[in-house]
């Protein structure tokens, strides 16, 4: 909804926070969409801060395009956040980075946030370097596994839990499950935790409108995914 987006930009907005691929729904934005978002930000002198931490985890038929790569004008007004932690499962090593091509914007970022954010530790830096230099084959195999898991999850929900609605994520390892029609009490998150012993992310933590949703991580073994789905199906079947 670009009209609504521009309306929000006109309300003394200083920065637009983009998430691409989008978390929690797994949407990967097309170039034309990014160009339109960026053009509106430029028109209203709004800086773009783009969280692209899932940028390596994009499935067939889709392509991750960093918004800062669209053209030099957008690049000069953008901050791109990235890390190897999601792709290579090394979040505990705490190594992330920001790409800020514009010198003055980079100075402001470092001045205001540098002390709070700290710096990468040597172990995290070494792991990140190893992952980016030697992890391509592993990543290719991971993407095949995640895409198969996504399809299994989608098919299982359609066949055995039709009261839950979801879409095919285009990237990430996350599925956004709409449980609105099931009226699960006290919440979908608590229902599945108590009755299926499956811990999902509570949709309410993602903001207003997420109360009847849960986020499921399918970045796991096939057997664990199927066990979790079967537990959820069984719990729904036992409701009064």
C-alpha atoms as a PDB file:
ATOM      1  CA  UNK A   1       0.000   0.000   0.000  1.00  0.00           C
ATOM      2  CA  UNK A   2       2.270   2.752  -1.274  1.00  0.00           C
ATOM      3  CA  UNK A   3      -0.286   5.508  -0.669  1.00  0.00           C
ATOM      4  CA  UNK A   4      -0.463   4.615   3.017  1.00  0.00           C
ATOM      5  CA  UNK A   5       3.315   4.275   3.130  1.00  0.00           C
ATOM      6  CA  UNK A   6       3.796   7.788   1.765  1.00  0.00           C
ATOM      7  CA  UNK A   7       1.234   9.118   4.216  1.00  0.00           C
ATOM      8  CA  UNK A   8       3.317   7.685   7.068  1.00  0.00           C
ATOM      9  CA  UNK A   9       6.474   9.258   5.648  1.00  0.00           C
ATOM     10  CA  UNK A  10       4.855  12.692   5.755  1.00  0.00           C
ATOM     11  CA  UNK A  11       4.352  12.504   9.527  1.00  0.00           C
ATOM     12  CA  UNK A  12       7.746  13.880  10.517  1.00  0.00           C
ATOM     13  CA  UNK A  13       9.346  10.490   9.801  1.00  0.00           C
ATOM     14  CA  UNK A  14      13.152  10.466   9.866  1.00  0.00           C
ATOM     15  CA  UNK A  15      13.938   6.806   9.191  1.00  0.00           C
ATOM     16  CA  UNK A  16      12.250   3.865   7.467  1.00  0.00           C
ATOM     17  CA  UNK A  17      13.038   0.441   8.955  1.00  0.00           C
ATOM     18  CA  UNK A  18      12.849  -2.208   6.232  1.00  0.00           C
ATOM     19  CA  UNK A  19      13.171  -5.963   6.768  1.00  0.00           C
ATOM     20  CA  UNK A  20      14.053  -7.880   3.594  1.00  0.00           C
ATOM     21  CA  UNK A  21      13.515 -10.829   3.480  1.00  0.00           C
ATOM     22  CA  UNK A  22      10.639  -9.966   5.753  1.00  0.00           C
ATOM     23  CA  UNK A  23      10.359 -11.507   9.191  1.00  0.00           C
ATOM     24  CA  UNK A  24       7.965 -13.131  10.119  1.00  0.00           C
ATOM     25  CA  UNK A  25       6.173 -13.789   6.792  1.00  0.00           C
ATOM     26  CA  UNK A  26       9.215 -14.640   4.646  1.00  0.00           C
ATOM     27  CA  UNK A  27       8.440 -12.149   1.881  1.00  0.00           C
ATOM     28  CA  UNK A  28      11.298 -11.292  -0.516  1.00  0.00           C
ATOM     29  CA  UNK A  29      10.695  -7.895  -2.097  1.00  0.00           C
ATOM     30  CA  UNK A  30      10.963  -7.469  -5.861  1.00  0.00           C
ATOM     31  CA  UNK A  31      13.163  -4.804  -7.454  1.00  0.00           C
ATOM     32  CA  UNK A  32      10.195  -2.697  -8.581  1.00  0.00           C
ATOM     33  CA  UNK A  33       8.793  -2.701  -5.036  1.00  0.00           C
ATOM     34  CA  UNK A  34      12.134  -1.680  -3.553  1.00  0.00           C
ATOM     35  CA  UNK A  35      12.542   1.051  -6.162  1.00  0.00           C
ATOM     36  CA  UNK A  36       9.160   2.519  -5.289  1.00  0.00           C
ATOM     37  CA  UNK A  37       9.813   2.355  -1.541  1.00  0.00           C
ATOM     38  CA  UNK A  38      13.207   3.980  -2.022  1.00  0.00           C
ATOM     39  CA  UNK A  39      11.860   6.707  -4.315  1.00  0.00           C
ATOM     40  CA  UNK A  40       9.282   7.699  -1.707  1.00  0.00           C
ATOM     41  CA  UNK A  41      11.941   7.798   1.005  1.00  0.00           C
ATOM     42  CA  UNK A  42      14.138  10.015  -1.159  1.00  0.00           C
ATOM     43  CA  UNK A  43      11.209  12.316  -1.923  1.00  0.00           C
ATOM     44  CA  UNK A  44      10.612  12.866   1.788  1.00  0.00           C
ATOM     45  CA  UNK A  45      14.280  12.869   2.836  1.00  0.00           C
ATOM     46  CA  UNK A  46      13.910   9.706   4.930  1.00  0.00           C
ATOM     47  CA  UNK A  47      16.920   7.495   5.691  1.00  0.00           C
ATOM     48  CA  UNK A  48      16.471   3.775   4.966  1.00  0.00           C
ATOM     49  CA  UNK A  49      17.745   1.295   7.547  1.00  0.00           C
ATOM     50  CA  UNK A  50      17.377  -2.183   6.074  1.00  0.00           C
ATOM     51  CA  UNK A  51      17.651  -5.384   8.108  1.00  0.00           C
ATOM     52  CA  UNK A  52      18.805  -7.962   5.552  1.00  0.00           C
ATOM     53  CA  UNK A  53      20.086 -10.611   7.937  1.00  0.00           C
ATOM     54  CA  UNK A  54      18.105 -13.350   6.134  1.00  0.00           C
ATOM     55  CA  UNK A  55      19.354 -12.197   2.726  1.00  0.00           C
ATOM     56  CA  UNK A  56      21.286 -15.414   2.040  1.00  0.00           C
ATOM     57  CA  UNK A  57      18.233 -17.580   2.754  1.00  0.00           C
ATOM     58  CA  UNK A  58      16.134 -17.075  -0.375  1.00  0.00           C
ATOM     59  CA  UNK A  59      14.377 -19.880  -2.236  1.00  0.00           C
ATOM     60  CA  UNK A  60      14.182 -20.762  -5.928  1.00  0.00           C
ATOM     61  CA  UNK A  61      12.337 -18.269  -8.093  1.00  0.00           C
ATOM     62  CA  UNK A  62      13.258 -15.327  -5.878  1.00  0.00           C
ATOM     63  CA  UNK A  63      16.312 -13.115  -5.476  1.00  0.00           C
ATOM     64  CA  UNK A  64      17.445 -10.952  -2.623  1.00  0.00           C
ATOM     65  CA  UNK A  65      18.244  -7.416  -3.773  1.00  0.00           C
ATOM     66  CA  UNK A  66      19.880  -5.126  -1.192  1.00  0.00           C
ATOM     67  CA  UNK A  67      17.970  -1.863  -1.324  1.00  0.00           C
ATOM     68  CA  UNK A  68      21.239   0.066  -1.090  1.00  0.00           C
ATOM     69  CA  UNK A  69      22.391  -1.500  -4.373  1.00  0.00           C
ATOM     70  CA  UNK A  70      19.604  -0.029  -6.506  1.00  0.00           C
ATOM     71  CA  UNK A  71      21.458   3.186  -7.340  1.00  0.00           C
ATOM     72  CA  UNK A  72      24.018   5.600  -5.898  1.00  0.00           C
ATOM     73  CA  UNK A  73      21.449   8.100  -4.607  1.00  0.00           C
ATOM     74  CA  UNK A  74      19.658   5.443  -2.571  1.00  0.00           C
ATOM     75  CA  UNK A  75      22.971   3.983  -1.437  1.00  0.00           C
ATOM     76  CA  UNK A  76      23.928   7.350   0.053  1.00  0.00           C
ATOM     77  CA  UNK A  77      20.741   7.380   2.143  1.00  0.00           C
ATOM     78  CA  UNK A  78      20.834   3.775   3.322  1.00  0.00           C
ATOM     79  CA  UNK A  79      22.128   1.679   6.205  1.00  0.00           C
ATOM     80  CA  UNK A  80      22.171  -2.070   5.549  1.00  0.00           C
ATOM     81  CA  UNK A  81      22.427  -4.451   8.495  1.00  0.00           C
ATOM     82  CA  UNK A  82      23.712  -7.988   7.989  1.00  0.00           C
ATOM     83  CA  UNK A  83      25.364 -10.889   9.795  1.00  0.00           C
ATOM     84  CA  UNK A  84      26.332 -14.518   9.183  1.00  0.00           C
ATOM     85  CA  UNK A  85      24.420 -15.589  12.294  1.00  0.00           C
ATOM     86  CA  UNK A  86      21.129 -16.671  10.675  1.00  0.00           C
ATOM     87  CA  UNK A  87      22.650 -18.252   7.584  1.00  0.00           C
ATOM     88  CA  UNK A  88      25.370 -20.233   9.348  1.00  0.00           C
ATOM     89  CA  UNK A  89      23.740 -20.644  12.783  1.00  0.00           C
ATOM     90  CA  UNK A  90      26.453 -18.811  14.714  1.00  0.00           C
ATOM     91  CA  UNK A  91      24.340 -16.195  16.493  1.00  0.00           C
ATOM     92  CA  UNK A  92      26.025 -16.927  19.819  1.00  0.00           C
ATOM     93  CA  UNK A  93      29.341 -15.625  18.477  1.00  0.00           C
ATOM     94  CA  UNK A  94      27.840 -12.126  18.141  1.00  0.00           C
ATOM     95  CA  UNK A  95      29.358 -10.862  14.915  1.00  0.00           C
ATOM     96  CA  UNK A  96      27.326  -8.475  12.747  1.00  0.00           C
ATOM     97  CA  UNK A  97      28.049  -5.518  10.489  1.00  0.00           C
ATOM     98  CA  UNK A  98      26.486  -2.437   8.940  1.00  0.00           C
ATOM     99  CA  UNK A  99      27.112  -1.287   5.366  1.00  0.00           C
ATOM    100  CA  UNK A 100      26.937   2.530   5.234  1.00  0.00           C
ATOM    101  CA  UNK A 101      28.450   3.904   1.994  1.00  0.00           C
ATOM    102  CA  UNK A 102      27.956   7.584   2.842  1.00  0.00           C
ATOM    103  CA  UNK A 103      30.813   8.900   4.997  1.00  0.00           C
ATOM    104  CA  UNK A 104      28.768  11.433   6.967  1.00  0.00           C
ATOM    105  CA  UNK A 105      25.951   8.986   7.654  1.00  0.00           C
ATOM    106  CA  UNK A 106      28.542   6.418   8.753  1.00  0.00           C
ATOM    107  CA  UNK A 107      30.112   8.978  11.095  1.00  0.00           C
ATOM    108  CA  UNK A 108      26.738   9.734  12.686  1.00  0.00           C
ATOM    109  CA  UNK A 109      25.967   6.035  13.064  1.00  0.00           C
ATOM    110  CA  UNK A 110      29.314   5.319  14.706  1.00  0.00           C
ATOM    111  CA  UNK A 111      29.116   8.373  16.953  1.00  0.00           C
ATOM    112  CA  UNK A 112      25.620   7.601  18.224  1.00  0.00           C
ATOM    113  CA  UNK A 113      25.618   3.805  18.304  1.00  0.00           C
ATOM    114  CA  UNK A 114      29.220   2.650  18.181  1.00  0.00           C
ATOM    115  CA  UNK A 115      29.776   2.669  21.939  1.00  0.00           C
ATOM    116  CA  UNK A 116      26.496   0.866  22.634  1.00  0.00           C
ATOM    117  CA  UNK A 117      27.006  -1.795  19.985  1.00  0.00           C
ATOM    118  CA  UNK A 118      30.626  -2.549  20.772  1.00  0.00           C
ATOM    119  CA  UNK A 119      32.800  -4.405  18.288  1.00  0.00           C
ATOM    120  CA  UNK A 120      33.120  -7.930  16.951  1.00  0.00           C
ATOM    121  CA  UNK A 121      35.081 -10.371  19.088  1.00  0.00           C
ATOM    122  CA  UNK A 122      37.952 -12.313  17.548  1.00  0.00           C
ATOM    123  CA  UNK A 123      36.165 -15.677  17.653  1.00  0.00           C
ATOM    124  CA  UNK A 124      33.040 -14.261  15.996  1.00  0.00           C
ATOM    125  CA  UNK A 125      35.103 -12.510  13.326  1.00  0.00           C
ATOM    126  CA  UNK A 126      37.084 -15.682  12.577  1.00  0.00           C
ATOM    127  CA  UNK A 127      33.894 -17.748  12.298  1.00  0.00           C
ATOM    128  CA  UNK A 128      32.275 -15.155  10.015  1.00  0.00           C
ATOM    129  CA  UNK A 129      35.329 -15.096   7.758  1.00  0.00           C
ATOM    130  CA  UNK A 130      35.392 -18.898   7.545  1.00  0.00           C
ATOM    131  CA  UNK A 131      31.665 -19.041   6.793  1.00  0.00           C
ATOM    132  CA  UNK A 132      31.811 -16.480   3.990  1.00  0.00           C
ATOM    133  CA  UNK A 133      34.980 -17.892   2.444  1.00  0.00           C
ATOM    134  CA  UNK A 134      34.234 -21.616   2.651  1.00  0.00           C
ATOM    135  CA  UNK A 135      30.522 -22.032   3.354  1.00  0.00           C
ATOM    136  CA  UNK A 136      28.980 -21.818  -0.125  1.00  0.00           C
ATOM    137  CA  UNK A 137      28.563 -25.567  -0.674  1.00  0.00           C
ATOM    138  CA  UNK A 138      27.083 -25.980   2.800  1.00  0.00           C
ATOM    139  CA  UNK A 139      24.698 -23.083   2.161  1.00  0.00           C
ATOM    140  CA  UNK A 140      23.511 -24.595  -1.132  1.00  0.00           C
ATOM    141  CA  UNK A 141      22.664 -27.827   0.676  1.00  0.00           C
ATOM    142  CA  UNK A 142      21.000 -25.919   3.512  1.00  0.00           C
ATOM    143  CA  UNK A 143      18.734 -24.056   1.093  1.00  0.00           C
ATOM    144  CA  UNK A 144      17.582 -27.335  -0.460  1.00  0.00           C
ATOM    145  CA  UNK A 145      16.808 -28.707   3.000  1.00  0.00           C
ATOM    146  CA  UNK A 146      14.928 -25.582   4.083  1.00  0.00           C
ATOM    147  CA  UNK A 147      12.911 -25.418   0.882  1.00  0.00           C
ATOM    148  CA  UNK A 148      11.883 -29.059   1.278  1.00  0.00           C
ATOM    149  CA  UNK A 149      10.953 -28.431   4.913  1.00  0.00           C
ATOM    150  CA  UNK A 150       8.878 -25.431   3.874  1.00  0.00           C
ATOM    151  CA  UNK A 151       6.959 -27.516   1.333  1.00  0.00           C
ATOM    152  CA  UNK A 152       6.397 -30.347   3.826  1.00  0.00           C
ATOM    153  CA  UNK A 153       5.097 -27.887   6.423  1.00  0.00           C
ATOM    154  CA  UNK A 154       2.760 -26.226   3.926  1.00  0.00           C
ATOM    155  CA  UNK A 155       1.385 -29.548   2.671  1.00  0.00           C
ATOM    156  CA  UNK A 156       0.928 -30.916   6.206  1.00  0.00           C
ATOM    157  CA  UNK A 157      -1.051 -27.861   7.278  1.00  0.00           C
ATOM    158  CA  UNK A 158      -3.245 -28.009   4.187  1.00  0.00           C
ATOM    159  CA  UNK A 159      -3.985 -31.711   4.640  1.00  0.00           C
ATOM    160  CA  UNK A 160      -4.209 -32.105   8.409  1.00  0.00           C
ATOM    161  CA  UNK A 161      -4.710 -28.637   9.940  1.00  0.00           C
ATOM    162  CA  UNK A 162      -6.861 -26.772   7.402  1.00  0.00           C
ATOM    163  CA  UNK A 163      -8.039 -24.361  10.096  1.00  0.00           C
ATOM    164  CA  UNK A 164      -4.572 -22.800  10.024  1.00  0.00           C
ATOM    165  CA  UNK A 165      -3.721 -20.531   7.128  1.00  0.00           C
ATOM    166  CA  UNK A 166      -0.227 -19.808   5.908  1.00  0.00           C
ATOM    167  CA  UNK A 167       1.639 -18.833   2.762  1.00  0.00           C
ATOM    168  CA  UNK A 168       4.752 -20.178   1.090  1.00  0.00           C
ATOM    169  CA  UNK A 169       7.690 -18.193   2.515  1.00  0.00           C
ATOM    170  CA  UNK A 170       9.926 -16.911  -0.274  1.00  0.00           C
ATOM    171  CA  UNK A 171      12.904 -16.805   2.072  1.00  0.00           C
ATOM    172  CA  UNK A 172      14.042 -17.302   5.705  1.00  0.00           C
ATOM    173  CA  UNK A 173      13.243 -20.445   7.716  1.00  0.00           C
ATOM    174  CA  UNK A 174      10.117 -19.005   9.319  1.00  0.00           C
ATOM    175  CA  UNK A 175       6.415 -19.656   8.731  1.00  0.00           C
ATOM    176  CA  UNK A 176       3.698 -17.246   9.872  1.00  0.00           C
ATOM    177  CA  UNK A 177       0.658 -19.282  10.898  1.00  0.00           C
ATOM    178  CA  UNK A 178      -2.777 -17.661  11.066  1.00  0.00           C
ATOM    179  CA  UNK A 179      -4.885 -19.460  13.681  1.00  0.00           C
ATOM    180  CA  UNK A 180      -7.714 -16.909  13.739  1.00  0.00           C
ATOM    181  CA  UNK A 181     -10.465 -19.307  12.682  1.00  0.00           C
ATOM    182  CA  UNK A 182      -9.601 -21.812  15.433  1.00  0.00           C
ATOM    183  CA  UNK A 183     -10.271 -19.439  18.365  1.00  0.00           C
ATOM    184  CA  UNK A 184      -7.558 -21.055  20.475  1.00  0.00           C
ATOM    185  CA  UNK A 185      -7.570 -20.038  24.146  1.00  0.00           C
ATOM    186  CA  UNK A 186      -5.907 -18.335  25.875  1.00  0.00           C
ATOM    187  CA  UNK A 187      -3.821 -17.774  22.724  1.00  0.00           C
ATOM    188  CA  UNK A 188      -2.465 -19.950  19.902  1.00  0.00           C
ATOM    189  CA  UNK A 189       1.011 -19.708  21.410  1.00  0.00           C
ATOM    190  CA  UNK A 190      -0.126 -20.868  24.849  1.00  0.00           C
ATOM    191  CA  UNK A 191      -2.478 -23.509  23.445  1.00  0.00           C
ATOM    192  CA  UNK A 192       0.253 -25.292  21.497  1.00  0.00           C
ATOM    193  CA  UNK A 193       2.742 -24.923  24.333  1.00  0.00           C
ATOM    194  CA  UNK A 194       0.359 -26.429  26.908  1.00  0.00           C
ATOM    195  CA  UNK A 195      -1.351 -29.067  24.773  1.00  0.00           C
ATOM    196  CA  UNK A 196       1.249 -30.044  22.174  1.00  0.00           C
ATOM    197  CA  UNK A 197       4.451 -29.141  24.018  1.00  0.00           C
ATOM    198  CA  UNK A 198       5.517 -27.195  20.944  1.00  0.00           C
ATOM    199  CA  UNK A 199       7.038 -23.774  21.612  1.00  0.00           C
ATOM    200  CA  UNK A 200       6.214 -21.302  18.849  1.00  0.00           C
ATOM    201  CA  UNK A 201       6.799 -17.559  18.799  1.00  0.00           C
ATOM    202  CA  UNK A 202       3.779 -15.646  20.071  1.00  0.00           C
ATOM    203  CA  UNK A 203       2.374 -13.503  17.276  1.00  0.00           C
ATOM    204  CA  UNK A 204       1.401 -10.747  19.707  1.00  0.00           C
ATOM    205  CA  UNK A 205       5.081  -9.881  20.175  1.00  0.00           C
ATOM    206  CA  UNK A 206       5.174  -8.727  16.541  1.00  0.00           C
ATOM    207  CA  UNK A 207       2.687  -5.947  17.188  1.00  0.00           C
ATOM    208  CA  UNK A 208      -1.048  -5.231  17.017  1.00  0.00           C
ATOM    209  CA  UNK A 209      -2.904  -7.704  14.803  1.00  0.00           C
ATOM    210  CA  UNK A 210      -0.581 -10.597  15.572  1.00  0.00           C
ATOM    211  CA  UNK A 211      -2.561 -11.957  18.516  1.00  0.00           C
ATOM    212  CA  UNK A 212      -4.002 -14.920  16.593  1.00  0.00           C
ATOM    213  CA  UNK A 213      -0.750 -15.827  14.872  1.00  0.00           C
ATOM    214  CA  UNK A 214       2.285 -17.905  15.766  1.00  0.00           C
ATOM    215  CA  UNK A 215       5.667 -18.037  14.067  1.00  0.00           C
ATOM    216  CA  UNK A 216       7.175 -21.450  13.407  1.00  0.00           C
ATOM    217  CA  UNK A 217      10.865 -22.111  12.794  1.00  0.00           C
ATOM    218  CA  UNK A 218      11.329 -24.895  10.235  1.00  0.00           C
ATOM    219  CA  UNK A 219      15.121 -24.632  10.257  1.00  0.00           C
ATOM    220  CA  UNK A 220      15.515 -28.024  11.921  1.00  0.00           C
ATOM    221  CA  UNK A 221      15.801 -31.704  11.098  1.00  0.00           C
ATOM    222  CA  UNK A 222      12.998 -33.257   9.067  1.00  0.00           C
ATOM    223  CA  UNK A 223      12.107 -35.608  11.915  1.00  0.00           C
ATOM    224  CA  UNK A 224      11.830 -32.761  14.424  1.00  0.00           C
ATOM    225  CA  UNK A 225       9.607 -30.759  12.079  1.00  0.00           C
ATOM    226  CA  UNK A 226       7.272 -33.698  11.490  1.00  0.00           C
ATOM    227  CA  UNK A 227       7.111 -34.509  15.198  1.00  0.00           C
ATOM    228  CA  UNK A 228       6.181 -30.930  16.033  1.00  0.00           C
ATOM    229  CA  UNK A 229       3.512 -30.799  13.333  1.00  0.00           C
ATOM    230  CA  UNK A 230       2.062 -34.128  14.440  1.00  0.00           C
ATOM    231  CA  UNK A 231       1.884 -32.934  18.040  1.00  0.00           C
ATOM    232  CA  UNK A 232       0.046 -29.807  16.913  1.00  0.00           C
ATOM    233  CA  UNK A 233      -2.390 -31.853  14.810  1.00  0.00           C
ATOM    234  CA  UNK A 234      -3.054 -34.191  17.719  1.00  0.00           C
ATOM    235  CA  UNK A 235      -3.659 -31.308  20.135  1.00  0.00           C
ATOM    236  CA  UNK A 236      -6.170 -29.724  17.777  1.00  0.00           C
ATOM    237  CA  UNK A 237      -7.947 -33.056  17.341  1.00  0.00           C
ATOM    238  CA  UNK A 238      -8.415 -33.465  21.101  1.00  0.00           C
ATOM    239  CA  UNK A 239     -10.241 -30.171  21.623  1.00  0.00           C
ATOM    240  CA  UNK A 240     -13.767 -30.396  23.012  1.00  0.00           C
END
